[in-house]
Every structure is written in C-alpha cells, then in structure tokens.
C-alpha cells in the first residue's frame, strides 16, 4: 500500500472537454504507485459525456458542489453537494451536470480480462 501526498492544486495535467468543463488528474496509479486514479472534475451546467457511458474501472463520485443527475436504466437520481454514487466497472451510466459543479472522482479496480 502506498502513501501518496499532494499539496492543494498539485496535479499531473488538465483535460479540457470544451465549454469550460475540465478534469484535473490529481493521483494517477502509474505515476504515483497507487491502485486508484483520483480526479477533480468541474463540469459546466448542461455537460453530458454521452448516454450509457461504460468505464473499465469501478467509479466513486462525490459531489463537492453543484448539482448532477445520474441515471442507470430507468433509475434516475439528482445529487447535490455531499451526494455520492458508486458504479461498478462495465455498468452503463448517464451523467448530466444540472449546475456548474465540482466532483471528486475515484477510479479503481478493473474488469476481468476479456470483458
């Protein structure tokens, strides 16, 4: 188990999704020797990465500020500051930012080979 320490604002790089939506990689497993990847994601109101997005790793999302909507199948939840959700790797999920938001994303684990 690794101990990874980062100062406020310390990150590896910023990904720009356009329209002001950005994602800062804070902890990256390959660079930090840690079994997870942590990002601070700042989607602008209306941002949606697509319907039924599937990630290859488990994902824990914590809403630090703003409001989001997350859907899986016919289940939809609206989460505000302090809200959180977990989705297993390989699970189709739709996400929409209802307000300018700031989220903590933790990606960890992976799908078994061949899935």
PDB file of N, CA and C in Angstrom:
ATOM      1  N   UNK A   1       0.851  -1.172   0.000  1.00  0.00           N
ATOM      2  CA  UNK A   1       0.000   0.000   0.000  1.00  0.00           C
ATOM      3  C   UNK A   1       0.892   1.228   0.000  1.00  0.00           C
ATOM      4  N   UNK A   2       0.561   2.170  -0.842  1.00  0.00           N
ATOM      5  CA  UNK A   2       1.357   3.387  -0.998  1.00  0.00           C
ATOM      6  C   UNK A   2       0.768   4.536  -0.178  1.00  0.00           C
ATOM      7  N   UNK A   3       1.615   5.449   0.222  1.00  0.00           N
ATOM      8  CA  UNK A   3       1.180   6.711   0.807  1.00  0.00           C
ATOM      9  C   UNK A   3       1.487   7.774  -0.235  1.00  0.00           C
ATOM     10  N   UNK A   4       0.453   8.420  -0.751  1.00  0.00           N
ATOM     11  CA  UNK A   4       0.614   9.446  -1.767  1.00  0.00           C
ATOM     12  C   UNK A   4       0.121  10.756  -1.186  1.00  0.00           C
ATOM     13  N   UNK A   5       0.966  11.785  -1.209  1.00  0.00           N
ATOM     14  CA  UNK A   5       0.624  13.085  -0.648  1.00  0.00           C
ATOM     15  C   UNK A   5       0.732  14.138  -1.747  1.00  0.00           C
ATOM     16  N   UNK A   6      -0.300  14.952  -1.891  1.00  0.00           N
ATOM     17  CA  UNK A   6      -0.291  16.041  -2.869  1.00  0.00           C
ATOM     18  C   UNK A   6      -0.706  17.318  -2.158  1.00  0.00           C
ATOM     19  N   UNK A   7      -0.042  18.403  -2.480  1.00  0.00           N
ATOM     20  CA  UNK A   7      -0.412  19.712  -1.957  1.00  0.00           C
ATOM     21  C   UNK A   7      -1.627  20.221  -2.739  1.00  0.00           C
ATOM     22  N   UNK A   8      -2.378  21.142  -2.164  1.00  0.00           N
ATOM     23  CA  UNK A   8      -3.530  21.730  -2.832  1.00  0.00           C
ATOM     24  C   UNK A   8      -3.115  22.284  -4.193  1.00  0.00           C
ATOM     25  N   UNK A   9      -3.876  21.940  -5.222  1.00  0.00           N
ATOM     26  CA  UNK A   9      -3.599  22.431  -6.561  1.00  0.00           C
ATOM     27  C   UNK A   9      -2.577  21.627  -7.339  1.00  0.00           C
ATOM     28  N   UNK A  10      -1.901  20.676  -6.678  1.00  0.00           N
ATOM     29  CA  UNK A  10      -0.894  19.858  -7.353  1.00  0.00           C
ATOM     30  C   UNK A  10      -1.593  18.794  -8.192  1.00  0.00           C
ATOM     31  N   UNK A  11      -1.246  18.728  -9.482  1.00  0.00           N
ATOM     32  CA  UNK A  11      -1.914  17.805 -10.390  1.00  0.00           C
ATOM     33  C   UNK A  11      -0.955  17.389 -11.491  1.00  0.00           C
ATOM     34  N   UNK A  12      -1.336  16.345 -12.238  1.00  0.00           N
ATOM     35  CA  UNK A  12      -0.494  15.855 -13.328  1.00  0.00           C
ATOM     36  C   UNK A  12      -0.801  16.568 -14.638  1.00  0.00           C
ATOM     37  N   UNK A  13      -2.050  16.720 -14.967  1.00  0.00           N
ATOM     38  CA  UNK A  13      -2.425  17.520 -16.128  1.00  0.00           C
ATOM     39  C   UNK A  13      -3.922  17.767 -16.109  1.00  0.00           C
ATOM     40  N   UNK A  14      -4.350  18.730 -16.918  1.00  0.00           N
ATOM     41  CA  UNK A  14      -5.760  19.092 -17.024  1.00  0.00           C
ATOM     42  C   UNK A  14      -6.269  18.684 -18.395  1.00  0.00           C
ATOM     43  N   UNK A  15      -7.422  18.021 -18.416  1.00  0.00           N
ATOM     44  CA  UNK A  15      -8.078  17.666 -19.676  1.00  0.00           C
ATOM     45  C   UNK A  15      -9.231  18.633 -19.884  1.00  0.00           C
ATOM     46  N   UNK A  16      -9.296  19.231 -21.063  1.00  0.00           N
ATOM     47  CA  UNK A  16     -10.340  20.193 -21.407  1.00  0.00           C
ATOM     48  C   UNK A  16     -11.389  19.503 -22.267  1.00  0.00           C
ATOM     49  N   UNK A  17     -12.622  19.439 -21.778  1.00  0.00           N
ATOM     50  CA  UNK A  17     -13.727  18.819 -22.503  1.00  0.00           C
ATOM     51  C   UNK A  17     -14.472  19.833 -23.369  1.00  0.00           C
ATOM     52  N   UNK A  18     -14.057  21.102 -23.329  1.00  0.00           N
ATOM     53  CA  UNK A  18     -14.720  22.162 -24.084  1.00  0.00           C
ATOM     54  C   UNK A  18     -15.815  22.818 -23.263  1.00  0.00           C
ATOM     55  N   UNK A  19     -16.167  24.035 -23.620  1.00  0.00           N
ATOM     56  CA  UNK A  19     -17.240  24.757 -22.946  1.00  0.00           C
ATOM     57  C   UNK A  19     -16.962  25.069 -21.493  1.00  0.00           C
ATOM     58  N   UNK A  20     -15.700  25.011 -21.073  1.00  0.00           N
ATOM     59  CA  UNK A  20     -15.352  25.306 -19.685  1.00  0.00           C
ATOM     60  C   UNK A  20     -15.314  24.094 -18.779  1.00  0.00           C
ATOM     61  N   UNK A  21     -15.691  22.905 -19.277  1.00  0.00           N
ATOM     62  CA  UNK A  21     -15.642  21.681 -18.478  1.00  0.00           C
ATOM     63  C   UNK A  21     -14.225  21.128 -18.504  1.00  0.00           C
ATOM     64  N   UNK A  22     -13.636  20.927 -17.302  1.00  0.00           N
ATOM     65  CA  UNK A  22     -12.276  20.408 -17.211  1.00  0.00           C
ATOM     66  C   UNK A  22     -12.180  19.293 -16.183  1.00  0.00           C
ATOM     67  N   UNK A  23     -11.128  18.492 -16.300  1.00  0.00           N
ATOM     68  CA  UNK A  23     -10.827  17.429 -15.352  1.00  0.00           C
ATOM     69  C   UNK A  23      -9.346  17.498 -15.020  1.00  0.00           C
ATOM     70  N   UNK A  24      -9.023  17.629 -13.741  1.00  0.00           N
ATOM     71  CA  UNK A  24      -7.637  17.656 -13.284  1.00  0.00           C
ATOM     72  C   UNK A  24      -7.281  16.291 -12.705  1.00  0.00           C
ATOM     73  N   UNK A  25      -6.277  15.635 -13.269  1.00  0.00           N
ATOM     74  CA  UNK A  25      -5.801  14.381 -12.683  1.00  0.00           C
ATOM     75  C   UNK A  25      -4.931  14.744 -11.491  1.00  0.00           C
ATOM     76  N   UNK A  26      -5.296  14.222 -10.340  1.00  0.00           N
ATOM     77  CA  UNK A  26      -4.595  14.538  -9.105  1.00  0.00           C
ATOM     78  C   UNK A  26      -3.661  13.389  -8.728  1.00  0.00           C
ATOM     79  N   UNK A  27      -4.185  12.163  -8.732  1.00  0.00           N
ATOM     80  CA  UNK A  27      -3.390  10.976  -8.420  1.00  0.00           C
ATOM     81  C   UNK A  27      -3.570   9.997  -9.572  1.00  0.00           C
ATOM     82  N   UNK A  28      -2.471   9.555 -10.143  1.00  0.00           N
ATOM     83  CA  UNK A  28      -2.501   8.616 -11.256  1.00  0.00           C
ATOM     84  C   UNK A  28      -1.709   7.380 -10.851  1.00  0.00           C
ATOM     85  N   UNK A  29      -2.348   6.214 -10.955  1.00  0.00           N
ATOM     86  CA  UNK A  29      -1.720   4.988 -10.460  1.00  0.00           C
ATOM     87  C   UNK A  29      -0.330   4.759 -11.044  1.00  0.00           C
ATOM     88  N   UNK A  30      -0.154   4.933 -12.350  1.00  0.00           N
ATOM     89  CA  UNK A  30       1.141   4.659 -12.981  1.00  0.00           C
ATOM     90  C   UNK A  30       2.236   5.597 -12.469  1.00  0.00           C
ATOM     91  N   UNK A  31       1.891   6.844 -12.201  1.00  0.00           N
ATOM     92  CA  UNK A  31       2.893   7.817 -11.760  1.00  0.00           C
ATOM     93  C   UNK A  31       3.087   7.833 -10.244  1.00  0.00           C
ATOM     94  N   UNK A  32       2.037   7.513  -9.504  1.00  0.00           N
ATOM     95  CA  UNK A  32       2.089   7.643  -8.046  1.00  0.00           C
ATOM     96  C   UNK A  32       2.186   6.312  -7.302  1.00  0.00           C
ATOM     97  N   UNK A  33       2.204   5.192  -8.034  1.00  0.00           N
ATOM     98  CA  UNK A  33       2.305   3.889  -7.375  1.00  0.00           C
ATOM     99  C   UNK A  33       1.120   3.589  -6.483  1.00  0.00           C
ATOM    100  N   UNK A  34      -0.057   3.951  -6.920  1.00  0.00           N
ATOM    101  CA  UNK A  34      -1.284   3.822  -6.143  1.00  0.00           C
ATOM    102  C   UNK A  34      -2.308   3.030  -6.973  1.00  0.00           C
ATOM    103  N   UNK A  35      -3.155   2.193  -6.373  1.00  0.00           N
ATOM    104  CA  UNK A  35      -4.099   1.379  -7.152  1.00  0.00           C
ATOM    105  C   UNK A  35      -5.357   2.124  -7.607  1.00  0.00           C
ATOM    106  N   UNK A  36      -5.351   3.449  -7.555  1.00  0.00           N
ATOM    107  CA  UNK A  36      -6.529   4.202  -7.982  1.00  0.00           C
ATOM    108  C   UNK A  36      -6.103   5.446  -8.758  1.00  0.00           C
ATOM    109  N   UNK A  37      -7.072   6.070  -9.408  1.00  0.00           N
ATOM    110  CA  UNK A  37      -6.839   7.353 -10.066  1.00  0.00           C
ATOM    111  C   UNK A  37      -7.869   8.323  -9.513  1.00  0.00           C
ATOM    112  N   UNK A  38      -7.422   9.489  -9.085  1.00  0.00           N
ATOM    113  CA  UNK A  38      -8.306  10.489  -8.493  1.00  0.00           C
ATOM    114  C   UNK A  38      -8.290  11.731  -9.372  1.00  0.00           C
ATOM    115  N   UNK A  39      -9.484  12.248  -9.656  1.00  0.00           N
ATOM    116  CA  UNK A  39      -9.613  13.462 -10.461  1.00  0.00           C
ATOM    117  C   UNK A  39     -10.546  14.440  -9.764  1.00  0.00           C
ATOM    118  N   UNK A  40     -10.304  15.713 -10.000  1.00  0.00           N
ATOM    119  CA  UNK A  40     -11.263  16.762  -9.657  1.00  0.00           C
ATOM    120  C   UNK A  40     -11.890  17.153 -10.986  1.00  0.00           C
ATOM    121  N   UNK A  41     -13.177  16.914 -11.109  1.00  0.00           N
ATOM    122  CA  UNK A  41     -13.902  17.130 -12.365  1.00  0.00           C
ATOM    123  C   UNK A  41     -14.823  18.326 -12.175  1.00  0.00           C
ATOM    124  N   UNK A  42     -14.771  19.284 -13.109  1.00  0.00           N
ATOM    125  CA  UNK A  42     -15.545  20.517 -12.998  1.00  0.00           C
ATOM    126  C   UNK A  42     -16.432  20.692 -14.227  1.00  0.00           C
ATOM    127  N   UNK A  43     -17.554  19.950 -14.273  1.00  0.00           N
ATOM    128  CA  UNK A  43     -18.450  20.093 -15.418  1.00  0.00           C
ATOM    129  C   UNK A  43     -19.292  21.359 -15.316  1.00  0.00           C
ATOM    130  N   UNK A  44     -19.486  22.013 -16.450  1.00  0.00           N
ATOM    131  CA  UNK A  44     -20.372  23.168 -16.529  1.00  0.00           C
ATOM    132  C   UNK A  44     -21.811  22.675 -16.681  1.00  0.00           C
ATOM    133  N   UNK A  45     -22.774  23.494 -16.291  1.00  0.00           N
ATOM    134  CA  UNK A  45     -24.192  23.145 -16.403  1.00  0.00           C
ATOM    135  C   UNK A  45     -24.492  22.680 -17.824  1.00  0.00           C
ATOM    136  N   UNK A  46     -25.189  21.554 -17.933  1.00  0.00           N
ATOM    137  CA  UNK A  46     -25.571  21.007 -19.227  1.00  0.00           C
ATOM    138  C   UNK A  46     -24.593  19.988 -19.784  1.00  0.00           C
ATOM    139  N   UNK A  47     -23.396  19.861 -19.175  1.00  0.00           N
ATOM    140  CA  UNK A  47     -22.414  18.914 -19.694  1.00  0.00           C
ATOM    141  C   UNK A  47     -22.894  17.476 -19.517  1.00  0.00           C
ATOM    142  N   UNK A  48     -22.779  16.687 -20.586  1.00  0.00           N
ATOM    143  CA  UNK A  48     -23.092  15.257 -20.568  1.00  0.00           C
ATOM    144  C   UNK A  48     -22.073  14.564 -21.473  1.00  0.00           C
ATOM    145  N   UNK A  49     -21.286  13.609 -20.951  1.00  0.00           N
ATOM    146  CA  UNK A  49     -20.275  12.948 -21.769  1.00  0.00           C
ATOM    147  C   UNK A  49     -20.864  11.940 -22.756  1.00  0.00           C
ATOM    148  N   UNK A  50     -22.165  11.708 -22.679  1.00  0.00           N
ATOM    149  CA  UNK A  50     -22.832  10.751 -23.560  1.00  0.00           C
ATOM    150  C   UNK A  50     -23.755   9.864 -22.760  1.00  0.00           C
ATOM    151  N   UNK A  51     -24.631   9.168 -23.467  1.00  0.00           N
ATOM    152  CA  UNK A  51     -25.553   8.260 -22.788  1.00  0.00           C
ATOM    153  C   UNK A  51     -24.923   6.884 -22.630  1.00  0.00           C
ATOM    154  N   UNK A  52     -25.214   6.259 -21.511  1.00  0.00           N
ATOM    155  CA  UNK A  52     -24.765   4.895 -21.228  1.00  0.00           C
ATOM    156  C   UNK A  52     -23.253   4.721 -21.388  1.00  0.00           C
ATOM    157  N   UNK A  53     -22.500   5.642 -20.760  1.00  0.00           N
ATOM    158  CA  UNK A  53     -21.041   5.563 -20.762  1.00  0.00           C
ATOM    159  C   UNK A  53     -20.624   4.382 -19.886  1.00  0.00           C
ATOM    160  N   UNK A  54     -19.638   3.621 -20.358  1.00  0.00           N
ATOM    161  CA  UNK A  54     -19.138   2.466 -19.614  1.00  0.00           C
ATOM    162  C   UNK A  54     -17.665   2.684 -19.305  1.00  0.00           C
ATOM    163  N   UNK A  55     -17.311   2.618 -18.018  1.00  0.00           N
ATOM    164  CA  UNK A  55     -15.913   2.724 -17.602  1.00  0.00           C
ATOM    165  C   UNK A  55     -15.369   1.330 -17.330  1.00  0.00           C
ATOM    166  N   UNK A  56     -14.073   1.160 -17.535  1.00  0.00           N
ATOM    167  CA  UNK A  56     -13.435  -0.141 -17.322  1.00  0.00           C
ATOM    168  C   UNK A  56     -12.982  -0.342 -15.884  1.00  0.00           C
ATOM    169  N   UNK A  57     -13.185   0.686 -15.038  1.00  0.00           N
ATOM    170  CA  UNK A  57     -12.848   0.572 -13.619  1.00  0.00           C
ATOM    171  C   UNK A  57     -14.038   1.002 -12.772  1.00  0.00           C
ATOM    172  N   UNK A  58     -14.097   0.517 -11.536  1.00  0.00           N
ATOM    173  CA  UNK A  58     -15.112   0.980 -10.605  1.00  0.00           C
ATOM    174  C   UNK A  58     -14.954   2.481 -10.437  1.00  0.00           C
ATOM    175  N   UNK A  59     -16.074   3.168 -10.173  1.00  0.00           N
ATOM    176  CA  UNK A  59     -16.032   4.623 -10.051  1.00  0.00           C
ATOM    177  C   UNK A  59     -16.841   5.069  -8.840  1.00  0.00           C
ATOM    178  N   UNK A  60     -16.206   5.870  -7.985  1.00  0.00           N
ATOM    179  CA  UNK A  60     -16.878   6.519  -6.866  1.00  0.00           C
ATOM    180  C   UNK A  60     -16.885   8.008  -7.164  1.00  0.00           C
ATOM    181  N   UNK A  61     -18.059   8.629  -7.096  1.00  0.00           N
ATOM    182  CA  UNK A  61     -18.202  10.063  -7.375  1.00  0.00           C
ATOM    183  C   UNK A  61     -18.766  10.738  -6.136  1.00  0.00           C
ATOM    184  N   UNK A  62     -18.122  11.833  -5.708  1.00  0.00           N
ATOM    185  CA  UNK A  62     -18.601  12.647  -4.590  1.00  0.00           C
ATOM    186  C   UNK A  62     -18.823  14.060  -5.128  1.00  0.00           C
ATOM    187  N   UNK A  63     -20.038  14.590  -4.912  1.00  0.00           N
ATOM    188  CA  UNK A  63     -20.363  15.941  -5.355  1.00  0.00           C
ATOM    189  C   UNK A  63     -19.836  16.914  -4.305  1.00  0.00           C
ATOM    190  N   UNK A  64     -18.835  17.709  -4.687  1.00  0.00           N
ATOM    191  CA  UNK A  64     -18.280  18.696  -3.767  1.00  0.00           C
ATOM    192  C   UNK A  64     -19.108  19.979  -3.785  1.00  0.00           C
ATOM    193  N   UNK A  65     -19.626  20.343  -4.970  1.00  0.00           N
ATOM    194  CA  UNK A  65     -20.521  21.495  -5.101  1.00  0.00           C
ATOM    195  C   UNK A  65     -21.318  21.345  -6.387  1.00  0.00           C
ATOM    196  N   UNK A  66     -22.452  22.031  -6.441  1.00  0.00           N
ATOM    197  CA  UNK A  66     -23.303  21.982  -7.625  1.00  0.00           C
ATOM    198  C   UNK A  66     -24.367  20.909  -7.527  1.00  0.00           C
ATOM    199  N   UNK A  67     -24.906  20.528  -8.695  1.00  0.00           N
ATOM    200  CA  UNK A  67     -25.976  19.534  -8.741  1.00  0.00           C
ATOM    201  C   UNK A  67     -25.827  18.729 -10.026  1.00  0.00           C
ATOM    202  N   UNK A  68     -25.951  17.388  -9.899  1.00  0.00           N
ATOM    203  CA  UNK A  68     -25.840  16.494 -11.045  1.00  0.00           C
ATOM    204  C   UNK A  68     -27.015  15.531 -11.075  1.00  0.00           C
ATOM    205  N   UNK A  69     -27.211  14.922 -12.230  1.00  0.00           N
ATOM    206  CA  UNK A  69     -28.205  13.855 -12.374  1.00  0.00           C
ATOM    207  C   UNK A  69     -27.470  12.635 -12.908  1.00  0.00           C
ATOM    208  N   UNK A  70     -27.691  11.483 -12.293  1.00  0.00           N
ATOM    209  CA  UNK A  70     -27.073  10.243 -12.744  1.00  0.00           C
ATOM    210  C   UNK A  70     -28.182   9.227 -12.981  1.00  0.00           C
ATOM    211  N   UNK A  71     -28.078   8.495 -14.093  1.00  0.00           N
ATOM    212  CA  UNK A  71     -29.121   7.535 -14.468  1.00  0.00           C
ATOM    213  C   UNK A  71     -28.503   6.212 -14.879  1.00  0.00           C
ATOM    214  N   UNK A  72     -29.212   5.156 -14.538  1.00  0.00           N
ATOM    215  CA  UNK A  72     -28.874   3.805 -14.995  1.00  0.00           C
ATOM    216  C   UNK A  72     -30.197   3.128 -15.317  1.00  0.00           C
ATOM    217  N   UNK A  73     -30.394   2.787 -16.592  1.00  0.00           N
ATOM    218  CA  UNK A  73     -31.666   2.199 -16.985  1.00  0.00           C
ATOM    219  C   UNK A  73     -32.785   3.174 -16.710  1.00  0.00           C
ATOM    220  N   UNK A  74     -33.816   2.734 -15.983  1.00  0.00           N
ATOM    221  CA  UNK A  74     -34.954   3.603 -15.680  1.00  0.00           C
ATOM    222  C   UNK A  74     -34.851   4.267 -14.304  1.00  0.00           C
ATOM    223  N   UNK A  75     -33.675   4.150 -13.644  1.00  0.00           N
ATOM    224  CA  UNK A  75     -33.465   4.794 -12.344  1.00  0.00           C
ATOM    225  C   UNK A  75     -32.700   6.090 -12.537  1.00  0.00           C
ATOM    226  N   UNK A  76     -33.220   7.191 -11.981  1.00  0.00           N
ATOM    227  CA  UNK A  76     -32.560   8.493 -12.079  1.00  0.00           C
ATOM    228  C   UNK A  76     -32.488   9.118 -10.692  1.00  0.00           C
ATOM    229  N   UNK A  77     -31.317   9.683 -10.375  1.00  0.00           N
ATOM    230  CA  UNK A  77     -31.113  10.337  -9.082  1.00  0.00           C
ATOM    231  C   UNK A  77     -30.497  11.716  -9.313  1.00  0.00           C
ATOM    232  N   UNK A  78     -30.963  12.697  -8.542  1.00  0.00           N
ATOM    233  CA  UNK A  78     -30.377  14.037  -8.551  1.00  0.00           C
ATOM    234  C   UNK A  78     -29.598  14.179  -7.250  1.00  0.00           C
ATOM    235  N   UNK A  79     -28.323  14.579  -7.375  1.00  0.00           N
ATOM    236  CA  UNK A  79     -27.452  14.701  -6.214  1.00  0.00           C
ATOM    237  C   UNK A  79     -26.887  16.105  -6.116  1.00  0.00           C
ATOM    238  N   UNK A  80     -26.914  16.666  -4.910  1.00  0.00           N
ATOM    239  CA  UNK A  80     -26.321  17.960  -4.642  1.00  0.00           C
ATOM    240  C   UNK A  80     -25.063  17.799  -3.822  1.00  0.00           C
ATOM    241  N   UNK A  81     -24.563  18.899  -3.308  1.00  0.00           N
ATOM    242  CA  UNK A  81     -23.345  18.911  -2.510  1.00  0.00           C
ATOM    243  C   UNK A  81     -23.410  17.862  -1.403  1.00  0.00           C
ATOM    244  N   UNK A  82     -22.369  17.027  -1.332  1.00  0.00           N
ATOM    245  CA  UNK A  82     -22.314  15.950  -0.339  1.00  0.00           C
ATOM    246  C   UNK A  82     -22.880  14.638  -0.841  1.00  0.00           C
ATOM    247  N   UNK A  83     -23.601  14.666  -1.971  1.00  0.00           N
ATOM    248  CA  UNK A  83     -24.139  13.439  -2.539  1.00  0.00           C
ATOM    249  C   UNK A  83     -23.024  12.608  -3.140  1.00  0.00           C
ATOM    250  N   UNK A  84     -23.264  11.309  -3.248  1.00  0.00           N
ATOM    251  CA  UNK A  84     -22.250  10.426  -3.808  1.00  0.00           C
ATOM    252  C   UNK A  84     -22.908   9.237  -4.478  1.00  0.00           C
ATOM    253  N   UNK A  85     -22.195   8.653  -5.442  1.00  0.00           N
ATOM    254  CA  UNK A  85     -22.652   7.404  -6.035  1.00  0.00           C
ATOM    255  C   UNK A  85     -21.465   6.548  -6.417  1.00  0.00           C
ATOM    256  N   UNK A  86     -21.716   5.235  -6.478  1.00  0.00           N
ATOM    257  CA  UNK A  86     -20.716   4.250  -6.861  1.00  0.00           C
ATOM    258  C   UNK A  86     -21.296   3.454  -8.012  1.00  0.00           C
ATOM    259  N   UNK A  87     -20.465   3.179  -9.014  1.00  0.00           N
ATOM    260  CA  UNK A  87     -20.901   2.357 -10.133  1.00  0.00           C
ATOM    261  C   UNK A  87     -19.800   1.336 -10.431  1.00  0.00           C
ATOM    262  N   UNK A  88     -20.203   0.063 -10.559  1.00  0.00           N
ATOM    263  CA  UNK A  88     -19.255  -0.997 -10.887  1.00  0.00           C
ATOM    264  C   UNK A  88     -18.724  -0.832 -12.300  1.00  0.00           C
ATOM    265  N   UNK A  89     -17.498  -1.255 -12.523  1.00  0.00           N
ATOM    266  CA  UNK A  89     -16.913  -1.280 -13.862  1.00  0.00           C
ATOM    267  C   UNK A  89     -17.859  -2.030 -14.797  1.00  0.00           C
ATOM    268  N   UNK A  90     -18.007  -1.520 -16.017  1.00  0.00           N
ATOM    269  CA  UNK A  90     -18.833  -2.186 -17.018  1.00  0.00           C
ATOM    270  C   UNK A  90     -20.306  -1.857 -16.954  1.00  0.00           C
ATOM    271  N   UNK A  91     -20.720  -0.994 -16.020  1.00  0.00           N
ATOM    272  CA  UNK A  91     -22.130  -0.636 -15.867  1.00  0.00           C
ATOM    273  C   UNK A  91     -22.438   0.631 -16.659  1.00  0.00           C
ATOM    274  N   UNK A  92     -23.371   0.570 -17.626  1.00  0.00           N
ATOM    275  CA  UNK A  92     -23.723   1.766 -18.404  1.00  0.00           C
ATOM    276  C   UNK A  92     -24.400   2.811 -17.515  1.00  0.00           C
ATOM    277  N   UNK A  93     -23.890   4.036 -17.561  1.00  0.00           N
ATOM    278  CA  UNK A  93     -24.400   5.119 -16.724  1.00  0.00           C
ATOM    279  C   UNK A  93     -24.445   6.414 -17.535  1.00  0.00           C
ATOM    280  N   UNK A  94     -25.498   7.215 -17.317  1.00  0.00           N
ATOM    281  CA  UNK A  94     -25.617   8.517 -17.959  1.00  0.00           C
ATOM    282  C   UNK A  94     -25.534   9.589 -16.882  1.00  0.00           C
ATOM    283  N   UNK A  95     -24.723  10.604 -17.128  1.00  0.00           N
ATOM    284  CA  UNK A  95     -24.459  11.675 -16.172  1.00  0.00           C
ATOM    285  C   UNK A  95     -24.717  13.016 -16.858  1.00  0.00           C
ATOM    286  N   UNK A  96     -25.405  13.933 -16.157  1.00  0.00           N
ATOM    287  CA  UNK A  96     -25.635  15.286 -16.667  1.00  0.00           C
ATOM    288  C   UNK A  96     -25.394  16.263 -15.516  1.00  0.00           C
ATOM    289  N   UNK A  97     -24.639  17.324 -15.789  1.00  0.00           N
ATOM    290  CA  UNK A  97     -24.448  18.393 -14.797  1.00  0.00           C
ATOM    291  C   UNK A  97     -25.649  19.329 -14.894  1.00  0.00           C
ATOM    292  N   UNK A  98     -26.406  19.450 -13.822  1.00  0.00           N
ATOM    293  CA  UNK A  98     -27.573  20.339 -13.796  1.00  0.00           C
ATOM    294  C   UNK A  98     -27.171  21.769 -13.466  1.00  0.00           C
ATOM    295  N   UNK A  99     -26.039  21.922 -12.794  1.00  0.00           N
ATOM    296  CA  UNK A  99     -25.457  23.218 -12.448  1.00  0.00           C
ATOM    297  C   UNK A  99     -23.947  23.108 -12.656  1.00  0.00           C
ATOM    298  N   UNK A 100     -23.259  24.236 -12.713  1.00  0.00           N
ATOM    299  CA  UNK A 100     -21.799  24.187 -12.663  1.00  0.00           C
ATOM    300  C   UNK A 100     -21.456  23.428 -11.384  1.00  0.00           C
ATOM    301  N   UNK A 101     -20.586  22.425 -11.497  1.00  0.00           N
ATOM    302  CA  UNK A 101     -20.335  21.539 -10.360  1.00  0.00           C
ATOM    303  C   UNK A 101     -18.849  21.256 -10.196  1.00  0.00           C
ATOM    304  N   UNK A 102     -18.504  20.730  -9.042  1.00  0.00           N
ATOM    305  CA  UNK A 102     -17.161  20.222  -8.784  1.00  0.00           C
ATOM    306  C   UNK A 102     -17.321  18.854  -8.141  1.00  0.00           C
ATOM    307  N   UNK A 103     -16.680  17.846  -8.747  1.00  0.00           N
ATOM    308  CA  UNK A 103     -16.823  16.465  -8.312  1.00  0.00           C
ATOM    309  C   UNK A 103     -15.461  15.867  -8.013  1.00  0.00           C
ATOM    310  N   UNK A 104     -15.410  14.973  -7.035  1.00  0.00           N
ATOM    311  CA  UNK A 104     -14.238  14.166  -6.768  1.00  0.00           C
ATOM    312  C   UNK A 104     -14.512  12.798  -7.374  1.00  0.00           C
ATOM    313  N   UNK A 105     -13.657  12.345  -8.297  1.00  0.00           N
ATOM    314  CA  UNK A 105     -13.818  11.044  -8.948  1.00  0.00           C
ATOM    315  C   UNK A 105     -12.694  10.125  -8.503  1.00  0.00           C
ATOM    316  N   UNK A 106     -13.045   8.902  -8.102  1.00  0.00           N
ATOM    317  CA  UNK A 106     -12.061   7.892  -7.723  1.00  0.00           C
ATOM    318  C   UNK A 106     -12.311   6.669  -8.589  1.00  0.00           C
ATOM    319  N   UNK A 107     -11.380   6.389  -9.508  1.00  0.00           N
ATOM    320  CA  UNK A 107     -11.457   5.198 -10.353  1.00  0.00           C
ATOM    321  C   UNK A 107     -10.516   4.156  -9.763  1.00  0.00           C
ATOM    322  N   UNK A 108     -11.013   2.923  -9.581  1.00  0.00           N
ATOM    323  CA  UNK A 108     -10.178   1.868  -9.003  1.00  0.00           C
ATOM    324  C   UNK A 108     -10.698   0.507  -9.455  1.00  0.00           C
ATOM    325  N   UNK A 109      -9.869  -0.506  -9.322  1.00  0.00           N
ATOM    326  CA  UNK A 109     -10.249  -1.843  -9.739  1.00  0.00           C
ATOM    327  C   UNK A 109     -10.391  -1.899 -11.261  1.00  0.00           C
ATOM    328  N   UNK A 110     -10.687  -3.066 -11.784  1.00  0.00           N
ATOM    329  CA  UNK A 110     -10.853  -3.199 -13.225  1.00  0.00           C
ATOM    330  C   UNK A 110     -11.720  -4.397 -13.557  1.00  0.00           C
ATOM    331  N   UNK A 111     -12.193  -4.400 -14.805  1.00  0.00           N
ATOM    332  CA  UNK A 111     -12.951  -5.543 -15.284  1.00  0.00           C
ATOM    333  C   UNK A 111     -12.009  -6.730 -15.453  1.00  0.00           C
ATOM    334  N   UNK A 112     -12.510  -7.941 -15.250  1.00  0.00           N
ATOM    335  CA  UNK A 112     -11.673  -9.117 -15.528  1.00  0.00           C
ATOM    336  C   UNK A 112     -11.296  -9.147 -17.011  1.00  0.00           C
ATOM    337  N   UNK A 113     -10.149  -9.754 -17.305  1.00  0.00           N
ATOM    338  CA  UNK A 113      -9.676  -9.855 -18.699  1.00  0.00           C
ATOM    339  C   UNK A 113     -10.768 -10.411 -19.597  1.00  0.00           C
ATOM    340  N   UNK A 114     -10.937  -9.793 -20.762  1.00  0.00           N
ATOM    341  CA  UNK A 114     -11.891 -10.295 -21.737  1.00  0.00           C
ATOM    342  C   UNK A 114     -13.276  -9.698 -21.612  1.00  0.00           C
ATOM    343  N   UNK A 115     -13.523  -8.835 -20.644  1.00  0.00           N
ATOM    344  CA  UNK A 115     -14.861  -8.228 -20.500  1.00  0.00           C
ATOM    345  C   UNK A 115     -14.817  -6.779 -20.867  1.00  0.00           C
TER     346      UNK A 115
END
